């Protein structure tokens, strides 16, 4: 499912203009992104949490040069689904 599909479905369900729904969806995504970029987690009860995770410093390898490199500690965005969300997927989606 793409952003356009989400906008279309919400527009159909609520009877709103697609442009209004698209602006709302994009505004929501920008707010989540901006919050994470400032180090603030976003908690959506019943859906999940968008959080900032810290990755520890580690040693990696550059295979082409056969050298060891140091990968510095860094932060990454992550999503942790709510228990209700996980349970719904477990019960409704068949294993392939």
Protein backbone atom coordinates (compact mmCIF):
# COMPACT_ATOMS: atom_id res chain seq x y z
CA UNK A 1 0.00 0.00 0.00
CA UNK A 2 1.33 3.41 -0.94
CA UNK A 3 0.65 6.88 0.45
CA UNK A 4 -1.67 7.51 -2.51
CA UNK A 5 -3.64 4.35 -1.63
CA UNK A 6 -3.98 5.49 1.99
CA UNK A 7 -5.15 8.94 0.90
CA UNK A 8 -7.67 7.41 -1.50
CA UNK A 9 -9.12 5.03 1.13
CA UNK A 10 -9.42 7.74 3.80
CA UNK A 11 -10.98 10.10 1.26
CA UNK A 12 -13.57 7.48 0.28
CA UNK A 13 -14.41 6.56 3.90
CA UNK A 14 -14.77 10.12 5.16
CA UNK A 15 -16.15 11.73 2.01
CA UNK A 16 -13.40 14.37 2.01
CA UNK A 17 -11.43 15.83 -0.89
CA UNK A 18 -8.27 13.89 -1.71
CA UNK A 19 -6.19 17.08 -1.59
CA UNK A 20 -7.32 17.78 1.99
CA UNK A 21 -6.61 14.22 3.07
CA UNK A 22 -3.21 14.26 1.37
CA UNK A 23 -2.28 17.50 3.13
CA UNK A 24 -3.34 15.97 6.47
CA UNK A 25 -1.37 12.74 5.91
CA UNK A 26 1.74 14.61 4.81
CA UNK A 27 1.43 17.00 7.76
CA UNK A 28 1.19 14.01 10.13
CA UNK A 29 4.28 12.41 8.60
CA UNK A 30 6.22 15.69 8.80
CA UNK A 31 5.29 16.11 12.48
CA UNK A 32 6.48 12.57 13.28
CA UNK A 33 9.71 13.15 11.34
CA UNK A 34 10.34 16.53 12.96
CA UNK A 35 9.73 15.11 16.44
CA UNK A 36 12.15 12.24 15.88
CA UNK A 37 14.78 14.60 14.45
CA UNK A 38 14.66 16.60 17.70
CA UNK A 39 15.00 13.39 19.76
CA UNK A 40 11.36 13.32 20.89
CA UNK A 41 9.54 9.97 20.62
CA UNK A 42 5.96 9.80 19.28
CA UNK A 43 3.46 7.53 21.08
CA UNK A 44 0.17 6.61 19.38
CA UNK A 45 -1.95 4.56 21.80
CA UNK A 46 -3.33 1.42 20.15
CA UNK A 47 -1.07 1.81 17.09
CA UNK A 48 2.56 1.98 18.18
CA UNK A 49 5.53 4.18 18.95
CA UNK A 50 7.97 5.94 16.68
CA UNK A 51 11.19 6.03 18.68
CA UNK A 52 14.83 7.02 18.33
CA UNK A 53 17.21 4.11 18.95
CA UNK A 54 20.91 4.51 19.64
CA UNK A 55 23.25 2.09 17.89
CA UNK A 56 26.49 1.42 19.71
CA UNK A 57 29.90 1.96 18.13
CA UNK A 58 31.13 -1.16 16.36
CA UNK A 59 33.89 -2.48 14.15
CA UNK A 60 33.12 -3.26 10.52
CA UNK A 61 35.04 -4.40 7.48
CA UNK A 62 35.59 -2.81 4.09
CA UNK A 63 35.64 -5.98 1.99
CA UNK A 64 36.98 -4.34 -1.18
CA UNK A 65 40.07 -2.92 0.61
CA UNK A 66 40.23 -5.72 3.21
CA UNK A 67 40.51 -3.20 6.06
CA UNK A 68 38.83 -2.75 9.40
CA UNK A 69 36.80 0.41 9.96
CA UNK A 70 35.19 1.89 13.03
CA UNK A 71 31.48 2.64 12.70
CA UNK A 72 30.63 5.40 15.20
CA UNK A 73 27.62 5.30 17.51
CA UNK A 74 24.56 6.80 15.85
CA UNK A 75 20.80 7.20 16.23
CA UNK A 76 18.19 5.64 13.96
CA UNK A 77 14.39 5.97 13.78
CA UNK A 78 12.40 2.86 14.65
CA UNK A 79 8.76 1.79 14.96
CA UNK A 80 7.50 -0.42 17.77
CA UNK A 81 3.93 -1.62 17.15
CA UNK A 82 1.41 -1.74 20.01
CA UNK A 83 0.42 -5.12 21.42
CA UNK A 84 -3.12 -4.74 20.00
CA UNK A 85 -1.61 -4.06 16.56
CA UNK A 86 0.69 -7.10 16.75
CA UNK A 87 -2.12 -9.38 17.93
CA UNK A 88 -4.37 -8.22 15.08
CA UNK A 89 -1.72 -9.00 12.48
CA UNK A 90 -1.00 -12.39 14.08
CA UNK A 91 -4.65 -13.46 14.00
CA UNK A 92 -5.70 -11.96 10.66
CA UNK A 93 -2.72 -12.54 8.34
CA UNK A 94 -2.07 -16.05 7.13
CA UNK A 95 1.48 -17.40 7.18
CA UNK A 96 2.86 -17.82 3.68
